[in-house]
Amino acid sequence: MVDLRTGKMDILIFTTSVEKPEQVREVKPLLTSVPAISGWNFDLEDCDNILRIEASDISPRYIEGLLQTAGFDCRELEY
């Protein structure tokens, strides 16, 4: 959600099974098609293959489901 006082968006962090740049290209259309997502990136050098998403008013479960429909494991990390 966007905090109207600051304009700040939520940062959601996930562990994924996305391991290669080719796989990032597979999920790119899914992530870029969601209007609530203003930015995203993968850290494939991290042992958890981290996906960070900057978004407003989106459920972590929705993101998990998106990646799962593409055949990848995805689970929100608590921080």
PDB file of N, CA and C in Angstrom:
ATOM      1  N   MET A   1       0.821  -1.185   0.000  1.00  0.00           N
ATOM      2  CA  MET A   1       0.000   0.000   0.000  1.00  0.00           C
ATOM      3  C   MET A   1       0.863   1.246   0.000  1.00  0.00           C
ATOM      4  N   VAL A   2       0.359   2.279  -0.596  1.00  0.00           N
ATOM      5  CA  VAL A   2       1.057   3.558  -0.579  1.00  0.00           C
ATOM      6  C   VAL A   2       0.630   4.341   0.654  1.00  0.00           C
ATOM      7  N   ASP A   3       1.589   4.826   1.388  1.00  0.00           N
ATOM      8  CA  ASP A   3       1.309   5.706   2.516  1.00  0.00           C
ATOM      9  C   ASP A   3       1.092   7.099   1.937  1.00  0.00           C
ATOM     10  N   LEU A   4      -0.121   7.599   2.011  1.00  0.00           N
ATOM     11  CA  LEU A   4      -0.451   8.874   1.377  1.00  0.00           C
ATOM     12  C   LEU A   4       0.321  10.042   1.963  1.00  0.00           C
ATOM     13  N   ARG A   5       0.775   9.908   3.179  1.00  0.00           N
ATOM     14  CA  ARG A   5       1.551  10.989   3.792  1.00  0.00           C
ATOM     15  C   ARG A   5       2.949  11.071   3.206  1.00  0.00           C
ATOM     16  N   THR A   6       3.526   9.913   2.877  1.00  0.00           N
ATOM     17  CA  THR A   6       4.902   9.891   2.388  1.00  0.00           C
ATOM     18  C   THR A   6       5.009   9.470   0.928  1.00  0.00           C
ATOM     19  N   GLY A   7       3.950   8.888   0.382  1.00  0.00           N
ATOM     20  CA  GLY A   7       4.003   8.368  -0.981  1.00  0.00           C
ATOM     21  C   GLY A   7       4.817   7.087  -1.089  1.00  0.00           C
ATOM     22  N   LYS A   8       5.139   6.495   0.053  1.00  0.00           N
ATOM     23  CA  LYS A   8       5.988   5.312   0.100  1.00  0.00           C
ATOM     24  C   LYS A   8       5.216   4.059  -0.304  1.00  0.00           C
ATOM     25  N   MET A   9       5.902   3.198  -1.012  1.00  0.00           N
ATOM     26  CA  MET A   9       5.313   1.930  -1.415  1.00  0.00           C
ATOM     27  C   MET A   9       5.872   0.810  -0.556  1.00  0.00           C
ATOM     28  N   ASP A  10       5.182  -0.324  -0.579  1.00  0.00           N
ATOM     29  CA  ASP A  10       5.647  -1.513   0.129  1.00  0.00           C
ATOM     30  C   ASP A  10       6.774  -2.169  -0.652  1.00  0.00           C
ATOM     31  N   ILE A  11       7.715  -2.742   0.075  1.00  0.00           N
ATOM     32  CA  ILE A  11       8.742  -3.591  -0.513  1.00  0.00           C
ATOM     33  C   ILE A  11       8.440  -5.009  -0.053  1.00  0.00           C
ATOM     34  N   LEU A  12       8.203  -5.885  -1.006  1.00  0.00           N
ATOM     35  CA  LEU A  12       7.925  -7.287  -0.711  1.00  0.00           C
ATOM     36  C   LEU A  12       9.145  -8.100  -1.123  1.00  0.00           C
ATOM     37  N   ILE A  13       9.534  -9.066  -0.291  1.00  0.00           N
ATOM     38  CA  ILE A  13      10.720  -9.862  -0.564  1.00  0.00           C
ATOM     39  C   ILE A  13      10.342 -11.335  -0.537  1.00  0.00           C
ATOM     40  N   PHE A  14      10.796 -12.045  -1.567  1.00  0.00           N
ATOM     41  CA  PHE A  14      10.448 -13.461  -1.740  1.00  0.00           C
ATOM     42  C   PHE A  14      11.692 -14.296  -1.983  1.00  0.00           C
ATOM     43  N   THR A  15      11.673 -15.521  -1.517  1.00  0.00           N
ATOM     44  CA  THR A  15      12.642 -16.515  -1.942  1.00  0.00           C
ATOM     45  C   THR A  15      12.008 -17.264  -3.117  1.00  0.00           C
ATOM     46  N   THR A  16      12.806 -17.567  -4.144  1.00  0.00           N
ATOM     47  CA  THR A  16      12.248 -18.185  -5.352  1.00  0.00           C
ATOM     48  C   THR A  16      13.144 -19.321  -5.844  1.00  0.00           C
ATOM     49  N   SER A  17      12.620 -20.055  -6.802  1.00  0.00           N
ATOM     50  CA  SER A  17      13.412 -21.085  -7.486  1.00  0.00           C
ATOM     51  C   SER A  17      13.934 -20.578  -8.828  1.00  0.00           C
ATOM     52  N   VAL A  18      13.803 -19.289  -9.089  1.00  0.00           N
ATOM     53  CA  VAL A  18      14.347 -18.684 -10.308  1.00  0.00           C
ATOM     54  C   VAL A  18      15.862 -18.598 -10.126  1.00  0.00           C
ATOM     55  N   GLU A  19      16.612 -19.275 -11.000  1.00  0.00           N
ATOM     56  CA  GLU A  19      18.056 -19.377 -10.819  1.00  0.00           C
ATOM     57  C   GLU A  19      18.876 -18.780 -11.947  1.00  0.00           C
ATOM     58  N   LYS A  20      18.278 -18.576 -13.115  1.00  0.00           N
ATOM     59  CA  LYS A  20      19.041 -18.170 -14.298  1.00  0.00           C
ATOM     60  C   LYS A  20      18.411 -16.954 -14.954  1.00  0.00           C
ATOM     61  N   PRO A  21      19.231 -16.151 -15.639  1.00  0.00           N
ATOM     62  CA  PRO A  21      18.692 -14.989 -16.355  1.00  0.00           C
ATOM     63  C   PRO A  21      17.584 -15.349 -17.355  1.00  0.00           C
ATOM     64  N   GLU A  22      17.683 -16.530 -17.962  1.00  0.00           N
ATOM     65  CA  GLU A  22      16.626 -16.949 -18.902  1.00  0.00           C
ATOM     66  C   GLU A  22      15.293 -17.099 -18.182  1.00  0.00           C
ATOM     67  N   GLN A  23      15.350 -17.569 -16.937  1.00  0.00           N
ATOM     68  CA  GLN A  23      14.127 -17.736 -16.157  1.00  0.00           C
ATOM     69  C   GLN A  23      13.561 -16.380 -15.740  1.00  0.00           C
ATOM     70  N   VAL A  24      14.434 -15.421 -15.459  1.00  0.00           N
ATOM     71  CA  VAL A  24      13.969 -14.063 -15.159  1.00  0.00           C
ATOM     72  C   VAL A  24      13.204 -13.524 -16.362  1.00  0.00           C
ATOM     73  N   ARG A  25      13.732 -13.781 -17.556  1.00  0.00           N
ATOM     74  CA  ARG A  25      13.038 -13.323 -18.772  1.00  0.00           C
ATOM     75  C   ARG A  25      11.673 -13.995 -18.929  1.00  0.00           C
ATOM     76  N   GLU A  26      11.533 -15.221 -18.433  1.00  0.00           N
ATOM     77  CA  GLU A  26      10.240 -15.919 -18.491  1.00  0.00           C
ATOM     78  C   GLU A  26       9.192 -15.233 -17.616  1.00  0.00           C
ATOM     79  N   VAL A  27       9.591 -14.786 -16.436  1.00  0.00           N
ATOM     80  CA  VAL A  27       8.616 -14.190 -15.517  1.00  0.00           C
ATOM     81  C   VAL A  27       8.451 -12.685 -15.717  1.00  0.00           C
ATOM     82  N   LYS A  28       9.342 -12.076 -16.475  1.00  0.00           N
ATOM     83  CA  LYS A  28       9.265 -10.620 -16.695  1.00  0.00           C
ATOM     84  C   LYS A  28       7.892 -10.175 -17.206  1.00  0.00           C
ATOM     85  N   PRO A  29       7.317 -10.830 -18.226  1.00  0.00           N
ATOM     86  CA  PRO A  29       5.992 -10.393 -18.701  1.00  0.00           C
ATOM     87  C   PRO A  29       4.916 -10.458 -17.620  1.00  0.00           C
ATOM     88  N   LEU A  30       5.001 -11.438 -16.733  1.00  0.00           N
ATOM     89  CA  LEU A  30       4.015 -11.557 -15.653  1.00  0.00           C
ATOM     90  C   LEU A  30       4.130 -10.373 -14.695  1.00  0.00           C
ATOM     91  N   LEU A  31       5.356 -10.053 -14.301  1.00  0.00           N
ATOM     92  CA  LEU A  31       5.558  -8.981 -13.320  1.00  0.00           C
ATOM     93  C   LEU A  31       5.293  -7.602 -13.909  1.00  0.00           C
ATOM     94  N   THR A  32       5.671  -7.397 -15.145  1.00  0.00           N
ATOM     95  CA  THR A  32       5.464  -6.076 -15.752  1.00  0.00           C
ATOM     96  C   THR A  32       4.003  -5.838 -16.132  1.00  0.00           C
ATOM     97  N   SER A  33       3.200  -6.907 -16.178  1.00  0.00           N
ATOM     98  CA  SER A  33       1.789  -6.735 -16.543  1.00  0.00           C
ATOM     99  C   SER A  33       0.916  -6.312 -15.361  1.00  0.00           C
ATOM    100  N   VAL A  34       1.483  -6.273 -14.162  1.00  0.00           N
ATOM    101  CA  VAL A  34       0.712  -5.930 -12.965  1.00  0.00           C
ATOM    102  C   VAL A  34       0.884  -4.441 -12.681  1.00  0.00           C
ATOM    103  N   PRO A  35      -0.183  -3.642 -12.865  1.00  0.00           N
ATOM    104  CA  PRO A  35      -0.066  -2.189 -12.681  1.00  0.00           C
ATOM    105  C   PRO A  35       0.370  -1.755 -11.279  1.00  0.00           C
ATOM    106  N   ALA A  36       0.057  -2.546 -10.261  1.00  0.00           N
ATOM    107  CA  ALA A  36       0.401  -2.179  -8.888  1.00  0.00           C
ATOM    108  C   ALA A  36       1.901  -2.296  -8.604  1.00  0.00           C
ATOM    109  N   ILE A  37       2.632  -3.012  -9.478  1.00  0.00           N
ATOM    110  CA  ILE A  37       4.073  -3.180  -9.295  1.00  0.00           C
ATOM    111  C   ILE A  37       4.790  -2.046 -10.010  1.00  0.00           C
ATOM    112  N   SER A  38       5.557  -1.261  -9.239  1.00  0.00           N
ATOM    113  CA  SER A  38       6.291  -0.151  -9.856  1.00  0.00           C
ATOM    114  C   SER A  38       7.743  -0.508 -10.133  1.00  0.00           C
ATOM    115  N   GLY A  39       8.228  -1.575  -9.514  1.00  0.00           N
ATOM    116  CA  GLY A  39       9.595  -2.010  -9.772  1.00  0.00           C
ATOM    117  C   GLY A  39       9.835  -3.386  -9.185  1.00  0.00           C
ATOM    118  N   TRP A  40      10.797  -4.104  -9.759  1.00  0.00           N
ATOM    119  CA  TRP A  40      11.120  -5.435  -9.256  1.00  0.00           C
ATOM    120  C   TRP A  40      12.520  -5.809  -9.711  1.00  0.00           C
ATOM    121  N   ASN A  41      13.153  -6.714  -8.970  1.00  0.00           N
ATOM    122  CA  ASN A  41      14.443  -7.247  -9.395  1.00  0.00           C
ATOM    123  C   ASN A  41      14.717  -8.563  -8.681  1.00  0.00           C
ATOM    124  N   PHE A  42      15.560  -9.360  -9.311  1.00  0.00           N
ATOM    125  CA  PHE A  42      16.011 -10.621  -8.739  1.00  0.00           C
ATOM    126  C   PHE A  42      17.463 -10.474  -8.326  1.00  0.00           C
ATOM    127  N   ASP A  43      17.828 -11.106  -7.223  1.00  0.00           N
ATOM    128  CA  ASP A  43      19.217 -11.233  -6.811  1.00  0.00           C
ATOM    129  C   ASP A  43      19.562 -12.712  -6.926  1.00  0.00           C
ATOM    130  N   LEU A  44      20.073 -13.102  -8.098  1.00  0.00           N
ATOM    131  CA  LEU A  44      20.361 -14.507  -8.352  1.00  0.00           C
ATOM    132  C   LEU A  44      21.664 -14.953  -7.701  1.00  0.00           C
ATOM    133  N   GLU A  45      22.430 -14.012  -7.168  1.00  0.00           N
ATOM    134  CA  GLU A  45      23.657 -14.381  -6.456  1.00  0.00           C
ATOM    135  C   GLU A  45      23.368 -14.742  -5.001  1.00  0.00           C
ATOM    136  N   ASP A  46      22.198 -14.377  -4.508  1.00  0.00           N
ATOM    137  CA  ASP A  46      21.788 -14.746  -3.159  1.00  0.00           C
ATOM    138  C   ASP A  46      21.362 -16.216  -3.163  1.00  0.00           C
ATOM    139  N   CYS A  47      21.649 -16.929  -2.088  1.00  0.00           N
ATOM    140  CA  CYS A  47      21.308 -18.360  -2.031  1.00  0.00           C
ATOM    141  C   CYS A  47      19.804 -18.607  -2.113  1.00  0.00           C
ATOM    142  N   ASP A  48      18.989 -17.610  -1.793  1.00  0.00           N
ATOM    143  CA  ASP A  48      17.528 -17.743  -1.860  1.00  0.00           C
ATOM    144  C   ASP A  48      16.934 -17.209  -3.159  1.00  0.00           C
ATOM    145  N   ASN A  49      17.792 -16.785  -4.105  1.00  0.00           N
ATOM    146  CA  ASN A  49      17.310 -16.237  -5.384  1.00  0.00           C
ATOM    147  C   ASN A  49      16.197 -15.221  -5.136  1.00  0.00           C
ATOM    148  N   ILE A  50      16.553 -14.175  -4.435  1.00  0.00           N
ATOM    149  CA  ILE A  50      15.605 -13.188  -3.919  1.00  0.00           C
ATOM    150  C   ILE A  50      14.916 -12.407  -5.024  1.00  0.00           C
ATOM    151  N   LEU A  51      13.619 -12.257  -4.884  1.00  0.00           N
ATOM    152  CA  LEU A  51      12.815 -11.351  -5.703  1.00  0.00           C
ATOM    153  C   LEU A  51      12.341 -10.226  -4.798  1.00  0.00           C
ATOM    154  N   ARG A  52      12.681  -8.983  -5.178  1.00  0.00           N
ATOM    155  CA  ARG A  52      12.206  -7.808  -4.450  1.00  0.00           C
ATOM    156  C   ARG A  52      11.210  -7.075  -5.343  1.00  0.00           C
ATOM    157  N   ILE A  53      10.089  -6.732  -4.762  1.00  0.00           N
ATOM    158  CA  ILE A  53       9.036  -6.035  -5.504  1.00  0.00           C
ATOM    159  C   ILE A  53       8.659  -4.766  -4.764  1.00  0.00           C
ATOM    160  N   GLU A  54       8.600  -3.668  -5.499  1.00  0.00           N
ATOM    161  CA  GLU A  54       8.083  -2.410  -4.966  1.00  0.00           C
ATOM    162  C   GLU A  54       6.684  -2.255  -5.552  1.00  0.00           C
ATOM    163  N   ALA A  55       5.699  -2.186  -4.673  1.00  0.00           N
ATOM    164  CA  ALA A  55       4.315  -2.187  -5.146  1.00  0.00           C
ATOM    165  C   ALA A  55       3.408  -1.466  -4.171  1.00  0.00           C
ATOM    166  N   SER A  56       2.246  -1.140  -4.662  1.00  0.00           N
ATOM    167  CA  SER A  56       1.218  -0.549  -3.812  1.00  0.00           C
ATOM    168  C   SER A  56      -0.018  -1.439  -3.855  1.00  0.00           C
ATOM    169  N   ASP A  57      -0.530  -1.743  -2.670  1.00  0.00           N
ATOM    170  CA  ASP A  57      -1.800  -2.453  -2.527  1.00  0.00           C
ATOM    171  C   ASP A  57      -1.839  -3.778  -3.285  1.00  0.00           C
ATOM    172  N   ILE A  58      -0.851  -4.636  -2.982  1.00  0.00           N
ATOM    173  CA  ILE A  58      -0.836  -5.958  -3.616  1.00  0.00           C
ATOM    174  C   ILE A  58      -0.525  -7.008  -2.553  1.00  0.00           C
ATOM    175  N   SER A  59      -1.150  -8.130  -2.675  1.00  0.00           N
ATOM    176  CA  SER A  59      -0.973  -9.215  -1.713  1.00  0.00           C
ATOM    177  C   SER A  59       0.255 -10.048  -2.062  1.00  0.00           C
ATOM    178  N   PRO A  60       1.063 -10.386  -1.070  1.00  0.00           N
ATOM    179  CA  PRO A  60       2.180 -11.303  -1.323  1.00  0.00           C
ATOM    180  C   PRO A  60       1.704 -12.630  -1.914  1.00  0.00           C
ATOM    181  N   ARG A  61       0.516 -13.081  -1.500  1.00  0.00           N
ATOM    182  CA  ARG A  61      -0.033 -14.338  -2.034  1.00  0.00           C
ATOM    183  C   ARG A  61      -0.266 -14.237  -3.542  1.00  0.00           C
ATOM    184  N   TYR A  62      -0.645 -13.055  -4.005  1.00  0.00           N
ATOM    185  CA  TYR A  62      -0.859 -12.851  -5.440  1.00  0.00           C
ATOM    186  C   TYR A  62       0.454 -13.064  -6.200  1.00  0.00           C
ATOM    187  N   ILE A  63       1.544 -12.504  -5.682  1.00  0.00           N
ATOM    188  CA  ILE A  63       2.851 -12.645  -6.327  1.00  0.00           C
ATOM    189  C   ILE A  63       3.289 -14.111  -6.300  1.00  0.00           C
ATOM    190  N   GLU A  64       3.092 -14.761  -5.166  1.00  0.00           N
ATOM    191  CA  GLU A  64       3.440 -16.182  -5.070  1.00  0.00           C
ATOM    192  C   GLU A  64       2.685 -16.979  -6.131  1.00  0.00           C
ATOM    193  N   GLY A  65       1.403 -16.701  -6.285  1.00  0.00           N
ATOM    194  CA  GLY A  65       0.588 -17.401  -7.274  1.00  0.00           C
ATOM    195  C   GLY A  65       1.037 -17.129  -8.697  1.00  0.00           C
ATOM    196  N   LEU A  66       1.421 -15.884  -8.978  1.00  0.00           N
ATOM    197  CA  LEU A  66       1.903 -15.539 -10.319  1.00  0.00           C
ATOM    198  C   LEU A  66       3.102 -16.394 -10.701  1.00  0.00           C
ATOM    199  N   LEU A  67       4.080 -16.452  -9.820  1.00  0.00           N
ATOM    200  CA  LEU A  67       5.280 -17.227 -10.135  1.00  0.00           C
ATOM    201  C   LEU A  67       4.987 -18.716 -10.170  1.00  0.00           C
ATOM    202  N   GLN A  68       4.092 -19.171  -9.304  1.00  0.00           N
ATOM    203  CA  GLN A  68       3.755 -20.588  -9.296  1.00  0.00           C
ATOM    204  C   GLN A  68       3.064 -21.007 -10.589  1.00  0.00           C
ATOM    205  N   THR A  69       2.249 -20.129 -11.170  1.00  0.00           N
ATOM    206  CA  THR A  69       1.609 -20.477 -12.448  1.00  0.00           C
ATOM    207  C   THR A  69       2.645 -20.584 -13.563  1.00  0.00           C
ATOM    208  N   ALA A  70       3.786 -19.917 -13.404  1.00  0.00           N
ATOM    209  CA  ALA A  70       4.867 -20.009 -14.386  1.00  0.00           C
ATOM    210  C   ALA A  70       5.795 -21.186 -14.086  1.00  0.00           C
ATOM    211  N   GLY A  71       5.501 -21.927 -13.015  1.00  0.00           N
ATOM    212  CA  GLY A  71       6.276 -23.118 -12.700  1.00  0.00           C
ATOM    213  C   GLY A  71       7.429 -22.908 -11.727  1.00  0.00           C
ATOM    214  N   PHE A  72       7.427 -21.784 -11.016  1.00  0.00           N
ATOM    215  CA  PHE A  72       8.502 -21.493 -10.067  1.00  0.00           C
ATOM    216  C   PHE A  72       7.972 -21.458  -8.640  1.00  0.00           C
ATOM    217  N   ASP A  73       8.816 -21.898  -7.721  1.00  0.00           N
ATOM    218  CA  ASP A  73       8.486 -21.768  -6.298  1.00  0.00           C
ATOM    219  C   ASP A  73       8.709 -20.313  -5.910  1.00  0.00           C
ATOM    220  N   CYS A  74       7.864 -19.817  -5.031  1.00  0.00           N
ATOM    221  CA  CYS A  74       7.966 -18.437  -4.578  1.00  0.00           C
ATOM    222  C   CYS A  74       7.294 -18.350  -3.204  1.00  0.00           C
ATOM    223  N   ARG A  75       8.050 -17.822  -2.229  1.00  0.00           N
ATOM    224  CA  ARG A  75       7.515 -17.717  -0.873  1.00  0.00           C
ATOM    225  C   ARG A  75       7.990 -16.415  -0.264  1.00  0.00           C
ATOM    226  N   GLU A  76       7.070 -15.686   0.339  1.00  0.00           N
ATOM    227  CA  GLU A  76       7.424 -14.411   0.973  1.00  0.00           C
ATOM    228  C   GLU A  76       8.368 -14.651   2.139  1.00  0.00           C
ATOM    229  N   LEU A  77       9.382 -13.796   2.234  1.00  0.00           N
ATOM    230  CA  LEU A  77      10.287 -13.814   3.388  1.00  0.00           C
ATOM    231  C   LEU A  77       9.840 -12.756   4.360  1.00  0.00           C
ATOM    232  N   GLU A  78       9.788 -13.119   5.610  1.00  0.00           N
ATOM    233  CA  GLU A  78       9.462 -12.154   6.656  1.00  0.00           C
ATOM    234  C   GLU A  78      10.721 -11.384   7.000  1.00  0.00           C
ATOM    235  N   TYR A  79      10.593 -10.088   7.149  1.00  0.00           N
ATOM    236  CA  TYR A  79      11.760  -9.282   7.528  1.00  0.00           C
ATOM    237  C   TYR A  79      11.380  -8.245   8.532  1.00  0.00           C
TER     238      TYR A  79
END
